[in-house]
Amino acid sequence: MDNSSLMSYLPPWKDNRVVVDPITGLVHATVSDENMLFSPRSEFFHSFSAEGIELTGSPTPLLGTVPLPGLYGTSFNTIGLLDLHVYNGKVFSAHTNRLAGMVHMFDWPHFFEGGPLGNDRWHLTIGHSSPMQESQCLTTGADRVVFSRYGLREIYGTSHDGRMIWRSQLPSWPTQLVSSDDIAFALVGNVVHRINMSNGTELLPATPVPFTTERIAVKGNFIYHVRTVDNTDVIVGKRSLDGQSLWEQSFTIAAAPVITGLVVDGSDRVWVSCLRDDFTIENLNGGYLLGADANGTALGTYTYGAALHSLATDGTTLFLTGWSANTGTETFLIAVNPSLITGYAEQVDLAQQLLKAWPNPASRNLHVRTPPQVDRLELLDTQGRLVRSWQIGSSASLEQVDISDLATGRYSLRASGLENVFHAAVMIMR
C-alpha cells in the first residue's frame, strides 16, 4: 500500500474478497490495493485448498491492468472489483472503471462481468452509471450468471459463456444478489424477490425483510438478514419465504460497524463480519465476527485487531480476509473453525471487558492488559494444551509477551488468580 496515494470514493475493502467454490470446495481470494488510484496493480486471484495449501502458482490478474492516459504523466489501473463468484472452477466478477467518475466527474464508468479465466474469457458492458458504482452485483448457478447494476430495474441472465438468455424487471435495482438451487434472490429495498435463473420468471410471493436490511443469505427455505441500528447495534434475523419472522438477535458493537459479510454454516449457525466505520487507512484495523446459533441465541462477539473485508464458508470452516494492522496494510486470509470458538463464547465476552490482547492476529509480540487480582498468564492451543505461561503482577497491568516462535493458529489466552479466570481468543499468523 502507498498511503500517500489518492484513495478512490469506493470503500477500500471492496477489492479484497474471499469466496468458496460450491462444486470444487476450493477457497479463492483476491488481493489488491486498487483503492489507490495511482497503483499499477490489478486484483490478483489466489486459490487454496480448504486446508490452506495455496494452489495458485503464479498469481493470476483477475482482469489485468487497464491503464488510462496519465493525467500526471503516468498510466493508472482504474478497474475496481465489485463482486466475485466462482462456480466449478469458472470465475465471474463484476468490475467498474472508477477513476473517471472521481477525477473527471463524468458519468462515465462501465460495468464488466468477467467470465472464466483463460483464453475463453469474455466480458459484457451494460452501460454508463452514476458514481454509485458499488451497487453492481451478480450471482451464479449451474448454468446461469445473473447480474444487475445501480440505476437499472432490469436484471440479466446469461449462460456461463456469456450469451444473453433473458432480461427481467424488478420494482427497483437490487443491492445484492445471491442464489440457491438455481433460484436468484434479489434484495430490493426491504423486499427479497425470487427469480428463476433459467428463464427470468419471478416466483411469488416476494419476502419482506426489515427496511434497513443491508445483506441477505439464503439456506434451504429460509432467508437470513442483517442490518445496523443507531450506529452501534447489529441485528441478525431469520425468516421463512412467506415473510414470517422466526427470530432476531442484537449485538452491540463498541464502534460504528460496517457489515462486510453474512454466511450460514452447515450447522445453521449465522456469522457476520464487520469492520470499524473509519475510512482512514491507518485506522482500518478493527474487526468483529458475530455469531448466532440455529435458534438465534448469540454465540459471541469476537474482536479482531484487523479489518475484516469479506467472509465465506464451506459449511464447516469460516474464511476471513482483510487488512492486518499487525503487518501494515497487507491482506490476510485466515480459516476459523466455529466449533472451537463457540465453546467459550461467554468467557470471550467477559474477556473483552477485562482481558484485552492486541494486535489480533499477531505475529511477533502480543500486548496484553490483564485485570486486577490475576498473577498468571497462559497460552493454550486448540486442544487445551499449555504452550506458554508467564508470571505477572497481582494488580492490573500491561504486558508484552514474545510469541515469535509459536506456530500459526488459533490460541486461547487465559489469565488466572484467586477465584477468577479470564479467557480471550488470539490468532497467531505469519
Protein backbone atom coordinates (compact mmCIF):
# COMPACT_ATOMS: atom_id res chain seq x y z
CA MET A 1 0.00 0.00 0.00
CA ASP A 2 1.09 3.51 -0.66
CA ASN A 3 -0.55 5.69 1.97
CA SER A 4 0.30 8.84 0.07
CA SER A 5 -1.75 7.81 -2.96
CA LEU A 6 -5.17 9.22 -3.59
CA MET A 7 -7.99 6.93 -2.41
CA SER A 8 -11.00 6.38 -4.61
CA TYR A 9 -14.52 7.00 -3.42
CA LEU A 10 -15.29 3.26 -3.34
CA PRO A 11 -14.80 1.58 0.05
CA PRO A 12 -11.29 0.11 0.17
CA TRP A 13 -12.41 -3.33 1.35
CA LYS A 14 -14.27 -3.99 -1.91
CA ASP A 15 -11.18 -5.34 -3.67
CA ASN A 16 -10.21 -7.95 -1.09
CA ARG A 17 -12.67 -10.84 -1.35
CA VAL A 18 -12.89 -14.50 -0.38
CA VAL A 19 -15.31 -17.00 -1.93
CA VAL A 20 -15.74 -20.79 -1.83
CA ASP A 21 -16.47 -22.74 -5.00
CA PRO A 22 -19.66 -24.71 -4.17
CA ILE A 23 -18.67 -27.52 -6.54
CA THR A 24 -14.91 -28.00 -6.01
CA GLY A 25 -14.75 -26.75 -2.40
CA LEU A 26 -11.66 -24.67 -3.19
CA VAL A 27 -11.18 -21.32 -1.48
CA HIS A 28 -10.42 -18.30 -3.68
CA ALA A 29 -9.26 -14.85 -2.60
CA THR A 30 -8.46 -11.62 -4.39
CA VAL A 31 -5.64 -9.39 -3.20
CA SER A 32 -5.35 -5.82 -4.38
CA ASP A 33 -4.57 -2.27 -3.41
CA GLU A 34 -6.79 -0.92 -6.15
CA ASN A 35 -8.46 1.58 -3.87
CA MET A 36 -5.28 3.51 -4.59
CA LEU A 37 -5.92 5.28 -7.85
CA PHE A 38 -2.30 5.57 -8.88
CA SER A 39 -1.46 1.91 -8.32
CA PRO A 40 -0.10 -0.08 -11.27
CA ARG A 41 -1.58 -3.31 -9.88
CA SER A 42 -4.74 -5.22 -10.66
CA GLU A 43 -6.67 -7.62 -8.47
CA PHE A 44 -4.67 -10.84 -8.17
CA PHE A 45 -6.58 -14.08 -7.85
CA HIS A 46 -5.34 -16.80 -5.48
CA SER A 47 -6.62 -20.36 -4.96
CA PHE A 48 -6.31 -22.52 -1.84
CA SER A 49 -7.42 -25.92 -0.66
CA ALA A 50 -9.78 -25.94 2.32
CA GLU A 51 -6.73 -26.89 4.43
CA GLY A 52 -4.88 -23.72 3.44
CA ILE A 53 -2.49 -25.10 0.81
CA GLU A 54 -2.01 -22.49 -1.90
CA LEU A 55 -2.64 -23.86 -5.39
CA THR A 56 -2.10 -20.62 -7.27
CA GLY A 57 1.40 -20.94 -8.61
CA SER A 58 1.97 -17.56 -10.16
CA PRO A 59 -0.83 -15.15 -9.03
CA THR A 60 -3.30 -14.52 -11.85
CA PRO A 61 -4.58 -11.00 -12.57
CA LEU A 62 -8.36 -11.15 -12.30
CA LEU A 63 -8.92 -8.56 -15.01
CA GLY A 64 -5.47 -7.28 -15.82
CA THR A 65 -4.12 -3.76 -15.76
CA VAL A 66 -6.36 -1.39 -17.67
CA PRO A 67 -4.47 1.90 -17.96
CA LEU A 68 -5.82 5.33 -18.72
CA PRO A 69 -3.66 8.03 -20.29
CA GLY A 70 -1.91 9.60 -17.36
CA LEU A 71 -3.17 12.92 -16.15
CA TYR A 72 0.09 13.15 -14.22
CA GLY A 73 2.46 11.68 -16.78
CA THR A 74 1.76 8.02 -15.99
CA SER A 75 -0.99 5.48 -16.54
CA PHE A 76 -3.37 4.21 -13.88
CA ASN A 77 -5.10 0.94 -13.26
CA THR A 78 -8.62 2.21 -12.73
CA ILE A 79 -10.54 -1.05 -12.59
CA GLY A 80 -12.18 -1.86 -9.26
CA LEU A 81 -13.71 -5.16 -8.14
CA LEU A 82 -17.36 -5.01 -7.03
CA ASP A 83 -18.50 -8.64 -6.83
CA LEU A 84 -16.93 -12.09 -7.21
CA HIS A 85 -18.26 -15.65 -7.62
CA VAL A 86 -16.61 -18.94 -8.57
CA TYR A 87 -18.60 -21.91 -9.84
CA ASN A 88 -16.98 -25.23 -10.76
CA GLY A 89 -13.65 -23.60 -11.46
CA LYS A 90 -15.05 -20.72 -13.52
CA VAL A 91 -14.51 -17.20 -12.19
CA PHE A 92 -17.16 -14.50 -12.61
CA SER A 93 -16.58 -10.96 -11.42
CA ALA A 94 -18.14 -7.52 -11.67
CA HIS A 95 -15.88 -4.51 -12.19
CA THR A 96 -16.07 -0.82 -12.80
CA ASN A 97 -13.84 1.90 -14.14
CA ARG A 98 -13.76 4.10 -11.07
CA LEU A 99 -11.14 6.72 -11.80
CA ALA A 100 -13.25 8.56 -14.34
CA GLY A 101 -16.12 9.47 -12.08
CA MET A 102 -13.81 10.83 -9.41
CA VAL A 103 -11.20 12.80 -11.32
CA HIS A 104 -13.26 14.00 -14.29
CA MET A 105 -16.67 13.95 -12.57
CA PHE A 106 -18.10 12.43 -15.77
CA ASP A 107 -20.99 9.97 -15.79
CA TRP A 108 -18.65 7.52 -17.46
CA PRO A 109 -17.90 4.29 -15.51
CA HIS A 110 -18.59 0.97 -17.19
CA PHE A 111 -19.50 -2.34 -15.59
CA PHE A 112 -17.99 -5.66 -16.54
CA GLU A 113 -18.98 -9.24 -15.89
CA GLY A 114 -15.79 -11.23 -16.29
CA GLY A 115 -16.09 -14.85 -17.43
CA PRO A 116 -13.82 -17.83 -16.86
CA LEU A 117 -10.10 -17.18 -16.66
CA GLY A 118 -8.16 -18.28 -19.71
CA ASN A 119 -8.49 -17.93 -23.44
CA ASP A 120 -12.27 -18.19 -23.36
CA ARG A 121 -12.63 -15.07 -21.23
CA TRP A 122 -15.49 -12.71 -22.07
CA HIS A 123 -16.97 -9.54 -20.74
CA LEU A 124 -20.14 -7.54 -21.09
CA THR A 125 -20.52 -3.81 -20.71
CA ILE A 126 -24.00 -2.81 -19.60
CA GLY A 127 -23.80 0.93 -19.97
CA HIS A 128 -22.97 4.06 -18.10
CA SER A 129 -23.80 4.78 -14.50
CA SER A 130 -23.60 7.44 -11.85
CA PRO A 131 -20.75 7.27 -9.31
CA MET A 132 -22.88 4.95 -7.10
CA GLN A 133 -20.96 2.08 -8.64
CA GLU A 134 -20.76 -0.29 -5.70
CA SER A 135 -24.35 -1.43 -6.27
CA GLN A 136 -23.22 -3.60 -9.19
CA CYS A 137 -23.84 -7.24 -8.19
CA LEU A 138 -24.02 -10.73 -9.63
CA THR A 139 -24.64 -14.36 -8.64
CA THR A 140 -24.12 -17.74 -10.31
CA GLY A 141 -25.91 -21.07 -10.66
CA ALA A 142 -25.30 -24.33 -12.50
CA ASP A 143 -25.59 -22.77 -15.97
CA ARG A 144 -26.51 -19.12 -15.43
CA VAL A 145 -24.95 -15.84 -14.38
CA VAL A 146 -27.46 -13.27 -13.09
CA PHE A 147 -26.41 -9.64 -12.70
CA SER A 148 -27.66 -6.08 -12.33
CA ARG A 149 -26.33 -2.63 -11.57
CA TYR A 150 -27.25 0.62 -9.86
CA GLY A 151 -29.98 2.61 -11.55
CA LEU A 152 -31.40 -0.25 -13.64
CA ARG A 153 -34.60 -2.09 -12.78
CA GLU A 154 -33.57 -4.87 -15.13
CA ILE A 155 -31.67 -7.96 -14.13
CA TYR A 156 -29.99 -10.08 -16.79
CA GLY A 157 -29.37 -13.79 -17.18
CA THR A 158 -26.54 -15.15 -19.30
CA SER A 159 -25.04 -18.55 -19.91
CA HIS A 160 -21.65 -19.29 -18.40
CA ASP A 161 -20.05 -18.49 -21.75
CA GLY A 162 -21.59 -15.01 -21.87
CA ARG A 163 -24.62 -15.48 -24.12
CA MET A 164 -27.56 -13.30 -23.07
CA ILE A 165 -30.58 -15.53 -22.30
CA TRP A 166 -33.20 -13.31 -20.67
CA ARG A 167 -33.95 -9.94 -19.15
CA SER A 168 -36.43 -9.30 -16.34
CA GLN A 169 -37.66 -6.23 -14.47
CA LEU A 170 -37.87 -5.53 -10.74
CA PRO A 171 -39.55 -2.60 -8.92
CA SER A 172 -36.10 -1.03 -8.49
CA TRP A 173 -32.43 -2.02 -8.70
CA PRO A 174 -31.15 -4.74 -6.35
CA THR A 175 -28.37 -4.05 -3.88
CA GLN A 176 -27.45 -7.72 -3.56
CA LEU A 177 -27.95 -10.96 -5.49
CA VAL A 178 -27.49 -14.44 -4.01
CA SER A 179 -28.52 -17.85 -5.31
CA SER A 180 -29.72 -21.23 -4.03
CA ASP A 181 -30.78 -24.23 -6.13
CA ASP A 182 -30.83 -22.14 -9.32
CA ILE A 183 -33.08 -19.51 -7.76
CA ALA A 184 -31.69 -15.98 -7.60
CA PHE A 185 -32.66 -13.87 -4.58
CA ALA A 186 -32.59 -10.12 -5.22
CA LEU A 187 -32.62 -7.66 -2.29
CA VAL A 188 -34.60 -4.60 -3.40
CA GLY A 189 -35.23 -2.15 -0.56
CA ASN A 190 -36.99 -4.14 2.14
CA VAL A 191 -38.21 -6.94 -0.16
CA VAL A 192 -36.44 -10.08 -1.40
CA HIS A 193 -37.56 -11.19 -4.87
CA ARG A 194 -37.04 -14.77 -6.11
CA ILE A 195 -36.12 -15.23 -9.76
CA ASN A 196 -35.95 -18.49 -11.73
CA MET A 197 -32.39 -18.36 -13.06
CA SER A 198 -33.26 -20.44 -16.14
CA ASN A 199 -35.85 -18.08 -17.65
CA GLY A 200 -36.04 -14.93 -15.50
CA THR A 201 -39.57 -15.60 -14.20
CA GLU A 202 -40.31 -14.17 -10.76
CA LEU A 203 -41.59 -16.64 -8.17
CA LEU A 204 -44.27 -15.39 -5.81
CA PRO A 205 -44.68 -14.33 -3.12
CA ALA A 206 -41.79 -11.96 -2.52
CA THR A 207 -40.39 -11.93 1.04
CA PRO A 208 -40.47 -8.73 3.13
CA VAL A 209 -37.46 -8.06 5.37
CA PRO A 210 -36.69 -5.17 7.76
CA PHE A 211 -36.47 -1.83 5.99
CA THR A 212 -32.77 -1.17 6.62
CA THR A 213 -31.55 -4.67 5.68
CA GLU A 214 -28.02 -4.45 4.27
CA ARG A 215 -27.22 -8.06 3.42
CA ILE A 216 -29.02 -11.36 2.98
CA ALA A 217 -28.02 -15.02 2.88
CA VAL A 218 -30.17 -17.97 1.85
CA LYS A 219 -30.16 -21.59 3.02
CA GLY A 220 -32.97 -24.00 2.25
CA ASN A 221 -36.33 -22.29 2.65
CA PHE A 222 -35.03 -19.52 4.88
CA ILE A 223 -33.69 -16.02 4.33
CA TYR A 224 -31.19 -14.57 6.80
CA HIS A 225 -30.79 -10.81 7.01
CA VAL A 226 -28.60 -8.29 8.85
CA ARG A 227 -28.78 -4.54 9.45
CA THR A 228 -27.30 -1.88 11.71
CA VAL A 229 -29.34 0.27 14.09
CA ASP A 230 -28.29 3.51 15.83
CA ASN A 231 -24.67 3.09 14.62
CA THR A 232 -23.85 0.59 17.40
CA ASP A 233 -26.22 -2.38 17.13
CA VAL A 234 -26.04 -5.15 14.55
CA ILE A 235 -29.30 -7.10 14.26
CA VAL A 236 -29.34 -10.54 12.61
CA GLY A 237 -32.59 -12.31 11.76
CA LYS A 238 -34.13 -15.36 10.08
CA ARG A 239 -37.37 -15.51 8.07
CA SER A 240 -39.34 -18.07 6.13
CA LEU A 241 -40.03 -17.43 2.46
CA ASP A 242 -43.54 -16.18 3.28
CA GLY A 243 -42.03 -13.41 5.41
CA GLN A 244 -42.68 -14.87 8.87
CA SER A 245 -40.01 -13.69 11.31
CA LEU A 246 -38.55 -16.68 13.17
CA TRP A 247 -36.02 -14.85 15.35
CA GLU A 248 -33.82 -11.78 15.61
CA GLN A 249 -30.66 -11.31 17.67
CA SER A 250 -28.97 -8.00 18.50
CA PHE A 251 -25.25 -7.40 19.06
CA THR A 252 -23.85 -4.15 20.46
CA ILE A 253 -20.51 -3.13 18.97
CA ALA A 254 -18.02 -0.79 20.63
CA ALA A 255 -17.62 1.27 17.44
CA ALA A 256 -19.90 2.06 14.50
CA PRO A 257 -19.75 -1.08 12.31
CA VAL A 258 -19.70 -1.60 8.56
CA ILE A 259 -21.14 -5.01 7.66
CA THR A 260 -18.89 -6.84 5.19
CA GLY A 261 -20.20 -10.41 5.22
CA LEU A 262 -23.11 -12.70 6.17
CA VAL A 263 -22.97 -16.52 5.86
CA VAL A 264 -24.75 -19.58 7.27
CA ASP A 265 -22.61 -22.65 8.04
CA GLY A 266 -23.51 -26.35 7.85
CA SER A 267 -24.92 -26.31 11.40
CA ASP A 268 -27.23 -23.38 10.54
CA ARG A 269 -25.13 -21.01 12.63
CA VAL A 270 -25.18 -17.47 11.30
CA TRP A 271 -21.99 -15.42 11.07
CA VAL A 272 -21.50 -11.72 10.35
CA SER A 273 -18.22 -9.93 9.69
CA CYS A 274 -17.84 -6.20 10.36
CA LEU A 275 -15.17 -3.56 10.39
CA ARG A 276 -14.96 -0.20 12.11
CA ASP A 277 -16.58 2.74 10.36
CA ASP A 278 -13.34 4.66 9.95
CA PHE A 279 -12.25 5.40 6.40
CA THR A 280 -8.63 6.30 7.03
CA ILE A 281 -6.13 3.62 6.07
CA GLU A 282 -4.21 3.91 9.32
CA ASN A 283 -7.32 3.11 11.36
CA LEU A 284 -8.88 0.37 9.25
CA ASN A 285 -7.71 -2.24 11.74
CA GLY A 286 -10.70 -3.08 13.90
CA GLY A 287 -12.92 -6.02 13.01
CA TYR A 288 -15.72 -8.06 14.58
CA LEU A 289 -17.07 -11.55 13.95
CA LEU A 290 -20.59 -12.11 15.31
CA GLY A 291 -22.25 -15.50 15.68
CA ALA A 292 -25.74 -16.84 16.43
CA ASP A 293 -26.88 -20.47 16.58
CA ALA A 294 -29.74 -22.03 14.61
CA ASN A 295 -32.25 -20.78 17.20
CA GLY A 296 -30.92 -17.23 17.23
CA THR A 297 -29.01 -17.49 20.52
CA ALA A 298 -25.88 -15.33 20.48
CA LEU A 299 -22.68 -17.38 20.31
CA GLY A 300 -20.37 -14.44 20.93
CA THR A 301 -18.81 -11.27 19.62
CA TYR A 302 -15.20 -11.89 18.61
CA THR A 303 -12.94 -8.85 18.28
CA TYR A 304 -10.05 -8.77 15.80
CA GLY A 305 -7.22 -6.29 15.69
CA ALA A 306 -7.64 -6.20 11.93
CA ALA A 307 -10.21 -5.09 9.38
CA LEU A 308 -12.45 -7.90 8.14
CA HIS A 309 -13.26 -7.26 4.48
CA SER A 310 -15.02 -10.44 3.39
CA LEU A 311 -16.45 -13.68 4.80
CA ALA A 312 -17.18 -17.09 3.23
CA THR A 313 -17.83 -20.64 4.41
CA ASP A 314 -17.67 -24.17 3.03
CA GLY A 315 -20.14 -25.31 5.69
CA THR A 316 -17.60 -26.33 8.32
CA THR A 317 -14.98 -23.56 8.23
CA LEU A 318 -15.18 -19.78 8.10
CA PHE A 319 -12.77 -17.93 5.80
CA LEU A 320 -11.98 -14.27 6.52
CA THR A 321 -9.95 -11.81 4.54
CA GLY A 322 -8.95 -8.21 5.22
CA TRP A 323 -6.09 -5.94 6.18
CA SER A 324 -3.97 -6.79 9.18
CA ALA A 325 -2.81 -3.89 11.36
CA ASN A 326 -0.06 -6.20 12.55
CA THR A 327 1.61 -6.25 9.15
CA GLY A 328 1.00 -2.78 7.83
CA THR A 329 -1.79 -2.95 5.28
CA GLU A 330 -1.12 -6.38 3.80
CA THR A 331 -4.07 -8.61 3.01
CA PHE A 332 -4.57 -11.71 5.15
CA LEU A 333 -6.68 -14.83 4.72
CA ILE A 334 -7.48 -16.94 7.77
CA ALA A 335 -9.63 -20.00 8.42
CA VAL A 336 -11.68 -20.32 11.62
CA ASN A 337 -13.32 -23.48 12.97
CA PRO A 338 -16.60 -22.24 14.52
CA SER A 339 -16.84 -25.25 16.83
CA LEU A 340 -13.59 -24.26 18.55
CA ILE A 341 -14.54 -20.65 19.23
CA THR A 342 -18.16 -21.10 20.33
CA GLY A 343 -17.23 -23.34 23.25
CA TYR A 344 -16.10 -20.40 25.36
CA ALA A 345 -18.18 -17.57 23.92
CA GLU A 346 -19.30 -16.32 27.34
CA GLN A 347 -15.72 -16.14 28.58
CA VAL A 348 -14.70 -14.26 25.45
CA ASP A 349 -17.43 -11.68 26.03
CA LEU A 350 -16.23 -11.17 29.60
CA ALA A 351 -12.65 -11.02 28.41
CA GLN A 352 -13.48 -8.12 26.12
CA GLN A 353 -14.25 -6.10 29.22
CA LEU A 354 -11.40 -7.25 31.48
CA LEU A 355 -8.72 -9.08 29.47
CA LYS A 356 -7.51 -7.46 26.27
CA ALA A 357 -4.88 -8.65 23.78
CA TRP A 358 -3.66 -6.90 20.64
CA PRO A 359 -2.79 -6.90 17.78
CA ASN A 360 -5.03 -9.80 16.83
CA PRO A 361 -3.94 -11.53 14.61
CA ALA A 362 -0.36 -11.20 15.95
CA SER A 363 2.97 -12.40 14.58
CA ARG A 364 5.86 -11.44 16.89
CA ASN A 365 4.73 -9.68 20.05
CA LEU A 366 1.41 -9.67 21.86
CA HIS A 367 0.35 -6.83 24.13
CA VAL A 368 -1.89 -7.96 26.98
CA ARG A 369 -3.78 -5.85 29.50
CA THR A 370 -4.70 -8.01 32.46
CA PRO A 371 -7.45 -7.42 35.03
CA PRO A 372 -6.57 -6.97 38.70
CA GLN A 373 -6.06 -9.91 41.07
CA VAL A 374 -4.56 -12.26 38.50
CA ASP A 375 -0.96 -13.45 38.73
CA ARG A 376 -0.58 -15.94 35.90
CA LEU A 377 -0.96 -15.65 32.14
CA GLU A 378 -1.15 -18.78 29.98
CA LEU A 379 -1.50 -19.54 26.27
CA LEU A 380 -3.38 -22.72 25.28
CA ASP A 381 -3.69 -24.39 21.87
CA THR A 382 -6.98 -25.54 20.35
CA GLN A 383 -6.68 -28.87 22.21
CA GLY A 384 -6.42 -27.09 25.55
CA ARG A 385 -2.70 -27.87 25.95
CA LEU A 386 -0.46 -25.33 27.67
CA VAL A 387 2.12 -23.92 25.26
CA ARG A 388 3.41 -20.89 27.19
CA SER A 389 2.97 -19.31 30.64
CA TRP A 390 4.08 -16.09 32.34
CA GLN A 391 4.02 -14.86 35.93
CA ILE A 392 2.65 -11.32 36.25
CA GLY A 393 1.91 -8.81 38.98
CA SER A 394 -1.28 -9.09 41.01
CA SER A 395 -2.52 -5.60 40.05
CA ALA A 396 -3.94 -4.65 36.65
CA SER A 397 -1.01 -4.35 34.28
CA LEU A 398 0.10 -4.11 30.67
CA GLU A 399 2.35 -6.92 29.48
CA GLN A 400 4.26 -7.55 26.27
CA VAL A 401 4.97 -11.22 25.51
CA ASP A 402 7.10 -12.76 22.77
CA ILE A 403 5.23 -15.22 20.53
CA SER A 404 7.60 -15.16 17.54
CA ASP A 405 8.44 -18.87 17.84
CA LEU A 406 4.87 -20.17 18.01
CA ALA A 407 3.11 -21.80 15.09
CA THR A 408 0.37 -20.12 13.10
CA GLY A 409 -3.04 -20.93 14.51
CA ARG A 410 -5.75 -20.05 16.98
CA TYR A 411 -4.98 -19.97 20.73
CA SER A 412 -6.80 -19.20 23.96
CA LEU A 413 -5.21 -16.69 26.32
CA ARG A 414 -6.01 -17.40 29.97
CA ALA A 415 -5.40 -15.07 32.93
CA SER A 416 -5.98 -16.54 36.38
CA GLY A 417 -5.60 -15.71 40.05
CA LEU A 418 -7.51 -16.35 43.28
CA GLU A 419 -11.03 -17.33 42.17
CA ASN A 420 -11.06 -15.52 38.83
CA VAL A 421 -10.25 -16.94 35.39
CA PHE A 422 -10.48 -14.88 32.19
CA HIS A 423 -10.17 -16.04 28.57
CA ALA A 424 -9.58 -14.29 25.24
CA ALA A 425 -9.18 -15.71 21.74
CA VAL A 426 -5.88 -14.98 19.98
CA MET A 427 -4.82 -15.68 16.40
CA ILE A 428 -1.10 -16.04 15.57
CA MET A 429 -0.32 -15.55 11.90
CA ARG A 430 2.92 -15.42 9.95
